[in-house]
Amino acid sequence: AAQAVGCTCRAIKFYEEKGLLPAVAREEN
């Protein structure tokens, strides 16, 4: 996802922490 958007994994986690990105679905693992 980070590569597709051109950002860092840390940035994505930050957006999730701030509530900008809804809870992302998780796989069985």
PDB file of all heavy atoms in Angstrom:
ATOM      1  N   ALA A   1       0.837  -1.199   0.000  1.00  0.00           N
ATOM      2  CA  ALA A   1       0.000   0.000   0.000  1.00  0.00           C
ATOM      3  C   ALA A   1       0.873   1.252   0.000  1.00  0.00           C
ATOM      4  O   ALA A   1       0.596   2.223  -0.711  1.00  0.00           O
ATOM      5  CB  ALA A   1      -0.927  -0.009   1.212  1.00  0.00           C
ATOM      6  N   ALA A   2       1.938   1.226   0.802  1.00  0.00           N
ATOM      7  CA  ALA A   2       2.842   2.375   0.865  1.00  0.00           C
ATOM      8  C   ALA A   2       3.496   2.622  -0.491  1.00  0.00           C
ATOM      9  O   ALA A   2       3.619   3.772  -0.932  1.00  0.00           O
ATOM     10  CB  ALA A   2       3.904   2.146   1.942  1.00  0.00           C
ATOM     11  N   GLN A   3       3.902   1.555  -1.162  1.00  0.00           N
ATOM     12  CA  GLN A   3       4.512   1.694  -2.486  1.00  0.00           C
ATOM     13  C   GLN A   3       3.507   2.215  -3.505  1.00  0.00           C
ATOM     14  O   GLN A   3       3.841   3.046  -4.360  1.00  0.00           O
ATOM     15  CB  GLN A   3       5.069   0.339  -2.941  1.00  0.00           C
ATOM     16  CG  GLN A   3       6.289  -0.105  -2.153  1.00  0.00           C
ATOM     17  CD  GLN A   3       6.744  -1.511  -2.529  1.00  0.00           C
ATOM     18  OE1 GLN A   3       6.074  -2.207  -3.286  1.00  0.00           O
ATOM     19  NE2 GLN A   3       7.890  -1.922  -1.999  1.00  0.00           N
ATOM     20  N   ALA A   4       2.258   1.762  -3.408  1.00  0.00           N
ATOM     21  CA  ALA A   4       1.230   2.187  -4.356  1.00  0.00           C
ATOM     22  C   ALA A   4       0.922   3.675  -4.218  1.00  0.00           C
ATOM     23  O   ALA A   4       0.637   4.362  -5.201  1.00  0.00           O
ATOM     24  CB  ALA A   4      -0.042   1.360  -4.158  1.00  0.00           C
ATOM     25  N   VAL A   5       0.992   4.167  -2.994  1.00  0.00           N
ATOM     26  CA  VAL A   5       0.647   5.570  -2.736  1.00  0.00           C
ATOM     27  C   VAL A   5       1.872   6.463  -2.828  1.00  0.00           C
ATOM     28  O   VAL A   5       1.771   7.660  -3.105  1.00  0.00           O
ATOM     29  CB  VAL A   5      -0.023   5.700  -1.345  1.00  0.00           C
ATOM     30  CG1 VAL A   5      -0.339   7.153  -1.024  1.00  0.00           C
ATOM     31  CG2 VAL A   5      -1.294   4.870  -1.291  1.00  0.00           C
ATOM     32  N   GLY A   6       3.055   5.885  -2.594  1.00  0.00           N
ATOM     33  CA  GLY A   6       4.266   6.698  -2.590  1.00  0.00           C
ATOM     34  C   GLY A   6       4.515   7.352  -1.257  1.00  0.00           C
ATOM     35  O   GLY A   6       4.959   8.505  -1.181  1.00  0.00           O
ATOM     36  N   CYS A   7       4.203   6.623  -0.184  1.00  0.00           N
ATOM     37  CA  CYS A   7       4.433   7.154   1.158  1.00  0.00           C
ATOM     38  C   CYS A   7       5.132   6.076   1.979  1.00  0.00           C
ATOM     39  O   CYS A   7       5.549   5.042   1.444  1.00  0.00           O
ATOM     40  CB  CYS A   7       3.116   7.580   1.816  1.00  0.00           C
ATOM     41  SG  CYS A   7       1.974   6.217   2.144  1.00  0.00           S
ATOM     42  N   THR A   8       5.271   6.290   3.271  1.00  0.00           N
ATOM     43  CA  THR A   8       5.932   5.324   4.140  1.00  0.00           C
ATOM     44  C   THR A   8       4.897   4.537   4.933  1.00  0.00           C
ATOM     45  O   THR A   8       3.757   4.977   5.113  1.00  0.00           O
ATOM     46  CB  THR A   8       6.875   6.023   5.132  1.00  0.00           C
ATOM     47  OG1 THR A   8       6.090   6.885   5.985  1.00  0.00           O
ATOM     48  CG2 THR A   8       7.919   6.853   4.394  1.00  0.00           C
ATOM     49  N   CYS A   9       5.315   3.388   5.431  1.00  0.00           N
ATOM     50  CA  CYS A   9       4.446   2.595   6.306  1.00  0.00           C
ATOM     51  C   CYS A   9       4.140   3.378   7.579  1.00  0.00           C
ATOM     52  O   CYS A   9       3.031   3.319   8.110  1.00  0.00           O
ATOM     53  CB  CYS A   9       5.107   1.268   6.658  1.00  0.00           C
ATOM     54  SG  CYS A   9       5.395   0.180   5.245  1.00  0.00           S
ATOM     55  N   ARG A  10       5.141   4.119   8.052  1.00  0.00           N
ATOM     56  CA  ARG A  10       4.945   4.926   9.256  1.00  0.00           C
ATOM     57  C   ARG A  10       3.842   5.970   9.047  1.00  0.00           C
ATOM     58  O   ARG A  10       3.034   6.229   9.946  1.00  0.00           O
ATOM     59  CB  ARG A  10       6.259   5.615   9.643  1.00  0.00           C
ATOM     60  CG  ARG A  10       6.202   6.380  10.953  1.00  0.00           C
ATOM     61  CD  ARG A  10       7.545   7.049  11.214  1.00  0.00           C
ATOM     62  NE  ARG A  10       8.581   6.063  11.405  1.00  0.00           N
ATOM     63  CZ  ARG A  10       8.868   5.505  12.578  1.00  0.00           C
ATOM     64  NH1 ARG A  10       8.171   5.846  13.651  1.00  0.00           N
ATOM     65  NH2 ARG A  10       9.848   4.627  12.676  1.00  0.00           N
ATOM     66  N   ALA A  11       3.811   6.575   7.855  1.00  0.00           N
ATOM     67  CA  ALA A  11       2.774   7.569   7.567  1.00  0.00           C
ATOM     68  C   ALA A  11       1.392   6.929   7.584  1.00  0.00           C
ATOM     69  O   ALA A  11       0.435   7.503   8.126  1.00  0.00           O
ATOM     70  CB  ALA A  11       3.037   8.216   6.211  1.00  0.00           C
ATOM     71  N   ILE A  12       1.274   5.732   7.002  1.00  0.00           N
ATOM     72  CA  ILE A  12      -0.028   5.047   6.982  1.00  0.00           C
ATOM     73  C   ILE A  12      -0.484   4.744   8.410  1.00  0.00           C
ATOM     74  O   ILE A  12      -1.654   4.956   8.763  1.00  0.00           O
ATOM     75  CB  ILE A  12       0.063   3.749   6.153  1.00  0.00           C
ATOM     76  CG1 ILE A  12       0.299   4.090   4.683  1.00  0.00           C
ATOM     77  CG2 ILE A  12      -1.207   2.925   6.305  1.00  0.00           C
ATOM     78  CD1 ILE A  12       0.467   2.874   3.775  1.00  0.00           C
ATOM     79  N   LYS A  13       0.442   4.271   9.242  1.00  0.00           N
ATOM     80  CA  LYS A  13       0.089   3.975  10.637  1.00  0.00           C
ATOM     81  C   LYS A  13      -0.336   5.252  11.371  1.00  0.00           C
ATOM     82  O   LYS A  13      -1.248   5.233  12.194  1.00  0.00           O
ATOM     83  CB  LYS A  13       1.269   3.318  11.347  1.00  0.00           C
ATOM     84  CG  LYS A  13       1.569   1.916  10.839  1.00  0.00           C
ATOM     85  CD  LYS A  13       2.801   1.334  11.528  1.00  0.00           C
ATOM     86  CE  LYS A  13       3.110  -0.075  11.005  1.00  0.00           C
ATOM     87  NZ  LYS A  13       4.332  -0.640  11.621  1.00  0.00           N
ATOM     88  N   PHE A  14       0.335   6.356  11.050  1.00  0.00           N
ATOM     89  CA  PHE A  14      -0.017   7.640  11.660  1.00  0.00           C
ATOM     90  C   PHE A  14      -1.439   8.043  11.272  1.00  0.00           C
ATOM     91  O   PHE A  14      -2.231   8.481  12.112  1.00  0.00           O
ATOM     92  CB  PHE A  14       0.980   8.716  11.220  1.00  0.00           C
ATOM     93  CG  PHE A  14       0.622  10.105  11.643  1.00  0.00           C
ATOM     94  CD1 PHE A  14       0.834  10.538  12.936  1.00  0.00           C
ATOM     95  CD2 PHE A  14       0.049  11.002  10.729  1.00  0.00           C
ATOM     96  CE1 PHE A  14       0.495  11.831  13.335  1.00  0.00           C
ATOM     97  CE2 PHE A  14      -0.291  12.289  11.112  1.00  0.00           C
ATOM     98  CZ  PHE A  14      -0.064  12.705  12.421  1.00  0.00           C
ATOM     99  N   TYR A  15      -1.788   7.881   9.979  1.00  0.00           N
ATOM    100  CA  TYR A  15      -3.135   8.227   9.525  1.00  0.00           C
ATOM    101  C   TYR A  15      -4.177   7.351  10.215  1.00  0.00           C
ATOM    102  O   TYR A  15      -5.269   7.824  10.556  1.00  0.00           O
ATOM    103  CB  TYR A  15      -3.242   8.054   8.007  1.00  0.00           C
ATOM    104  CG  TYR A  15      -2.296   8.921   7.217  1.00  0.00           C
ATOM    105  CD1 TYR A  15      -1.800   8.502   5.978  1.00  0.00           C
ATOM    106  CD2 TYR A  15      -1.876  10.163   7.696  1.00  0.00           C
ATOM    107  CE1 TYR A  15      -0.928   9.298   5.243  1.00  0.00           C
ATOM    108  CE2 TYR A  15      -1.000  10.960   6.965  1.00  0.00           C
ATOM    109  CZ  TYR A  15      -0.526  10.514   5.754  1.00  0.00           C
ATOM    110  OH  TYR A  15       0.338  11.297   5.037  1.00  0.00           O
ATOM    111  N   GLU A  16      -3.835   6.090  10.437  1.00  0.00           N
ATOM    112  CA  GLU A  16      -4.761   5.203  11.126  1.00  0.00           C
ATOM    113  C   GLU A  16      -4.947   5.631  12.583  1.00  0.00           C
ATOM    114  O   GLU A  16      -6.063   5.655  13.103  1.00  0.00           O
ATOM    115  CB  GLU A  16      -4.258   3.760  11.051  1.00  0.00           C
ATOM    116  CG  GLU A  16      -4.308   3.163   9.646  1.00  0.00           C
ATOM    117  CD  GLU A  16      -3.721   1.762   9.587  1.00  0.00           C
ATOM    118  OE1 GLU A  16      -3.144   1.324  10.606  1.00  0.00           O
ATOM    119  OE2 GLU A  16      -3.842   1.111   8.537  1.00  0.00           O
ATOM    120  N   GLU A  17      -3.834   5.998  13.239  1.00  0.00           N
ATOM    121  CA  GLU A  17      -3.896   6.436  14.637  1.00  0.00           C
ATOM    122  C   GLU A  17      -4.737   7.692  14.787  1.00  0.00           C
ATOM    123  O   GLU A  17      -5.446   7.862  15.787  1.00  0.00           O
ATOM    124  CB  GLU A  17      -2.481   6.691  15.166  1.00  0.00           C
ATOM    125  CG  GLU A  17      -1.650   5.439  15.334  1.00  0.00           C
ATOM    126  CD  GLU A  17      -0.197   5.761  15.650  1.00  0.00           C
ATOM    127  OE1 GLU A  17       0.133   6.972  15.748  1.00  0.00           O
ATOM    128  OE2 GLU A  17       0.609   4.821  15.789  1.00  0.00           O
ATOM    129  N   LYS A  18      -4.671   8.577  13.795  1.00  0.00           N
ATOM    130  CA  LYS A  18      -5.413   9.838  13.855  1.00  0.00           C
ATOM    131  C   LYS A  18      -6.856   9.691  13.372  1.00  0.00           C
ATOM    132  O   LYS A  18      -7.606  10.670  13.359  1.00  0.00           O
ATOM    133  CB  LYS A  18      -4.706  10.903  13.008  1.00  0.00           C
ATOM    134  CG  LYS A  18      -3.336  11.301  13.545  1.00  0.00           C
ATOM    135  CD  LYS A  18      -3.438  11.879  14.953  1.00  0.00           C
ATOM    136  CE  LYS A  18      -2.096  12.304  15.480  1.00  0.00           C
ATOM    137  NZ  LYS A  18      -2.198  12.863  16.870  1.00  0.00           N
ATOM    138  N   GLY A  19      -7.247   8.482  12.988  1.00  0.00           N
ATOM    139  CA  GLY A  19      -8.621   8.258  12.566  1.00  0.00           C
ATOM    140  C   GLY A  19      -8.928   8.719  11.162  1.00  0.00           C
ATOM    141  O   GLY A  19     -10.104   8.856  10.800  1.00  0.00           O
ATOM    142  N   LEU A  20      -7.891   8.970  10.360  1.00  0.00           N
ATOM    143  CA  LEU A  20      -8.125   9.395   8.981  1.00  0.00           C
ATOM    144  C   LEU A  20      -8.427   8.212   8.069  1.00  0.00           C
ATOM    145  O   LEU A  20      -9.092   8.367   7.043  1.00  0.00           O
ATOM    146  CB  LEU A  20      -6.897  10.147   8.447  1.00  0.00           C
ATOM    147  CG  LEU A  20      -6.455  11.372   9.241  1.00  0.00           C
ATOM    148  CD1 LEU A  20      -5.261  12.029   8.565  1.00  0.00           C
ATOM    149  CD2 LEU A  20      -7.593  12.370   9.387  1.00  0.00           C
ATOM    150  N   LEU A  21      -7.944   7.064   8.448  1.00  0.00           N
ATOM    151  CA  LEU A  21      -8.163   5.855   7.663  1.00  0.00           C
ATOM    152  C   LEU A  21      -8.969   4.875   8.515  1.00  0.00           C
ATOM    153  O   LEU A  21      -8.536   4.512   9.610  1.00  0.00           O
ATOM    154  CB  LEU A  21      -6.822   5.226   7.271  1.00  0.00           C
ATOM    155  CG  LEU A  21      -6.861   4.124   6.213  1.00  0.00           C
ATOM    156  CD1 LEU A  21      -7.308   4.700   4.863  1.00  0.00           C
ATOM    157  CD2 LEU A  21      -5.473   3.490   6.064  1.00  0.00           C
ATOM    158  N   PRO A  22     -10.170   4.478   8.058  1.00  0.00           N
ATOM    159  CA  PRO A  22     -10.989   3.545   8.840  1.00  0.00           C
ATOM    160  C   PRO A  22     -10.241   2.246   9.116  1.00  0.00           C
ATOM    161  O   PRO A  22      -9.249   1.937   8.457  1.00  0.00           O
ATOM    162  CB  PRO A  22     -12.212   3.309   7.940  1.00  0.00           C
ATOM    163  CG  PRO A  22     -12.231   4.459   7.000  1.00  0.00           C
ATOM    164  CD  PRO A  22     -10.803   4.857   6.793  1.00  0.00           C
ATOM    165  N   ALA A  23     -10.747   1.508  10.089  1.00  0.00           N
ATOM    166  CA  ALA A  23     -10.117   0.237  10.447  1.00  0.00           C
ATOM    167  C   ALA A  23      -9.978  -0.641   9.207  1.00  0.00           C
ATOM    168  O   ALA A  23     -10.950  -0.935   8.522  1.00  0.00           O
ATOM    169  CB  ALA A  23     -10.945  -0.473  11.508  1.00  0.00           C
ATOM    170  N   VAL A  24      -8.746  -1.027   8.942  1.00  0.00           N
ATOM    171  CA  VAL A  24      -8.460  -1.840   7.761  1.00  0.00           C
ATOM    172  C   VAL A  24      -8.746  -3.306   8.073  1.00  0.00           C
ATOM    173  O   VAL A  24      -8.396  -3.802   9.157  1.00  0.00           O
ATOM    174  CB  VAL A  24      -6.988  -1.667   7.329  1.00  0.00           C
ATOM    175  CG1 VAL A  24      -6.659  -2.561   6.143  1.00  0.00           C
ATOM    176  CG2 VAL A  24      -6.715  -0.202   7.005  1.00  0.00           C
ATOM    177  N   ALA A  25      -9.408  -3.980   7.132  1.00  0.00           N
ATOM    178  CA  ALA A  25      -9.726  -5.392   7.330  1.00  0.00           C
ATOM    179  C   ALA A  25      -8.448  -6.207   7.486  1.00  0.00           C
ATOM    180  O   ALA A  25      -7.396  -5.865   6.932  1.00  0.00           O
ATOM    181  CB  ALA A  25     -10.537  -5.909   6.136  1.00  0.00           C
ATOM    182  N   ARG A  26      -8.524  -7.261   8.265  1.00  0.00           N
ATOM    183  CA  ARG A  26      -7.365  -8.113   8.498  1.00  0.00           C
ATOM    184  C   ARG A  26      -7.597  -9.510   7.932  1.00  0.00           C
ATOM    185  O   ARG A  26      -8.724 -10.029   7.951  1.00  0.00           O
ATOM    186  CB  ARG A  26      -7.044  -8.207   9.996  1.00  0.00           C
ATOM    187  CG  ARG A  26      -6.526  -6.896  10.593  1.00  0.00           C
ATOM    188  CD  ARG A  26      -6.204  -7.053  12.065  1.00  0.00           C
ATOM    189  NE  ARG A  26      -5.711  -5.817  12.650  1.00  0.00           N
ATOM    190  CZ  ARG A  26      -4.427  -5.465  12.710  1.00  0.00           C
ATOM    191  NH1 ARG A  26      -3.506  -6.288  12.208  1.00  0.00           N
ATOM    192  NH2 ARG A  26      -4.061  -4.332  13.257  1.00  0.00           N
ATOM    193  N   GLU A  27      -6.524 -10.127   7.473  1.00  0.00           N
ATOM    194  CA  GLU A  27      -6.591 -11.496   7.005  1.00  0.00           C
ATOM    195  C   GLU A  27      -6.607 -12.448   8.196  1.00  0.00           C
ATOM    196  O   GLU A  27      -6.449 -12.021   9.349  1.00  0.00           O
ATOM    197  CB  GLU A  27      -5.385 -11.791   6.105  1.00  0.00           C
ATOM    198  CG  GLU A  27      -5.306 -10.882   4.879  1.00  0.00           C
ATOM    199  CD  GLU A  27      -4.018 -11.100   4.097  1.00  0.00           C
ATOM    200  OE1 GLU A  27      -3.101 -11.760   4.632  1.00  0.00           O
ATOM    201  OE2 GLU A  27      -3.938 -10.610   2.951  1.00  0.00           O
ATOM    202  N   GLU A  28      -6.786 -13.712   7.930  1.00  0.00           N
ATOM    203  CA  GLU A  28      -6.832 -14.687   9.011  1.00  0.00           C
ATOM    204  C   GLU A  28      -5.537 -14.727   9.804  1.00  0.00           C
ATOM    205  O   GLU A  28      -5.529 -15.001  11.004  1.00  0.00           O
ATOM    206  CB  GLU A  28      -7.124 -16.086   8.434  1.00  0.00           C
ATOM    207  CG  GLU A  28      -8.542 -16.230   7.877  1.00  0.00           C
ATOM    208  CD  GLU A  28      -8.799 -17.644   7.391  1.00  0.00           C
ATOM    209  OE1 GLU A  28      -7.878 -18.489   7.507  1.00  0.00           O
ATOM    210  OE2 GLU A  28      -9.918 -17.894   6.909  1.00  0.00           O
ATOM    211  N   ASN A  29      -4.425 -14.426   9.166  1.00  0.00           N
ATOM    212  CA  ASN A  29      -3.134 -14.431   9.859  1.00  0.00           C
ATOM    213  C   ASN A  29      -2.856 -13.135  10.624  1.00  0.00           C
ATOM    214  O   ASN A  29      -1.799 -12.968  11.218  1.00  0.00           O
ATOM    215  CB  ASN A  29      -1.996 -14.701   8.878  1.00  0.00           C
ATOM    216  CG  ASN A  29      -1.977 -13.689   7.734  1.00  0.00           C
ATOM    217  OD1 ASN A  29      -2.597 -12.636   7.806  1.00  0.00           O
ATOM    218  ND2 ASN A  29      -1.249 -14.020   6.658  1.00  0.00           N
TER     219      ASN A  29
END
